[in-house]
Amino acid sequence: MKTLDSTPKKDGFRMPGEFEEHAGAYMLWPQRPDNWRNGGKPAQKTFAQVAEAIAEFEPVTVGVNDDQYENARNMLPDQVKVIEISNNDSWIRDCGATFVKNDHGELRAVDWTFNAWGGLVDGLYFPWDKDDRVAQKMAELEQTDRYRLDDFVLEGGSIHVDGQGTLITTEECLLSEGRNPQLSKD
């Protein structure tokens, strides 16, 4: 797995539409006590139900911190793969890799910088270092090259695409002082 110096567009890659077929789903196991009540137990039950429902249609991989591995393995059905991926919180849509593909079906990962929705300015929590490494670990698991954007903060869930070049986001997410103060609408 290499970290590439180019961009997906230059290399002929695009972000597929939300509705396009994909190979599987990743989730992270909830446990953070300041985000999840009762030690995350109610959320864990719900996440297990969601993983089980998705697994009826496609492979599911759930990343867990070491101290939650046995708990997650016991709560999740056998067809759900449980792996250790250290993380600070469970929102993999925001901190995980965004996968892009080319016309030949080749896959690559985009590893956005993640800083817990605003870093030290207006972020939700500190530290977020483990979350910022999740995308790289996903690229390694998928054995694919990645693009790392150290100077651009983005949560994967803050963008939506149609696979044809249209991207929808909000100014609040993309241009907040805690994310990308070097950018403007101009």
Foldseek 3Di string as FASTA:
>chain_A
DAADPDDCVVVAKFFAAPPDDDAEEEWEAFQQPVVAPPRCVVVNLVVQVVQVVRLVPHAYEYEYAPVCQVVSVVNHDPSHHYDHQDFDGIPCLFLAWRWIAHPVGAIETEQAAEQQQFHPPDHDDPDGVSSSCRHVVVCVVVVHYYHYDPQFHTTNVQWGDNRPPDIDGDCCRRCPPRTHVVDDPD
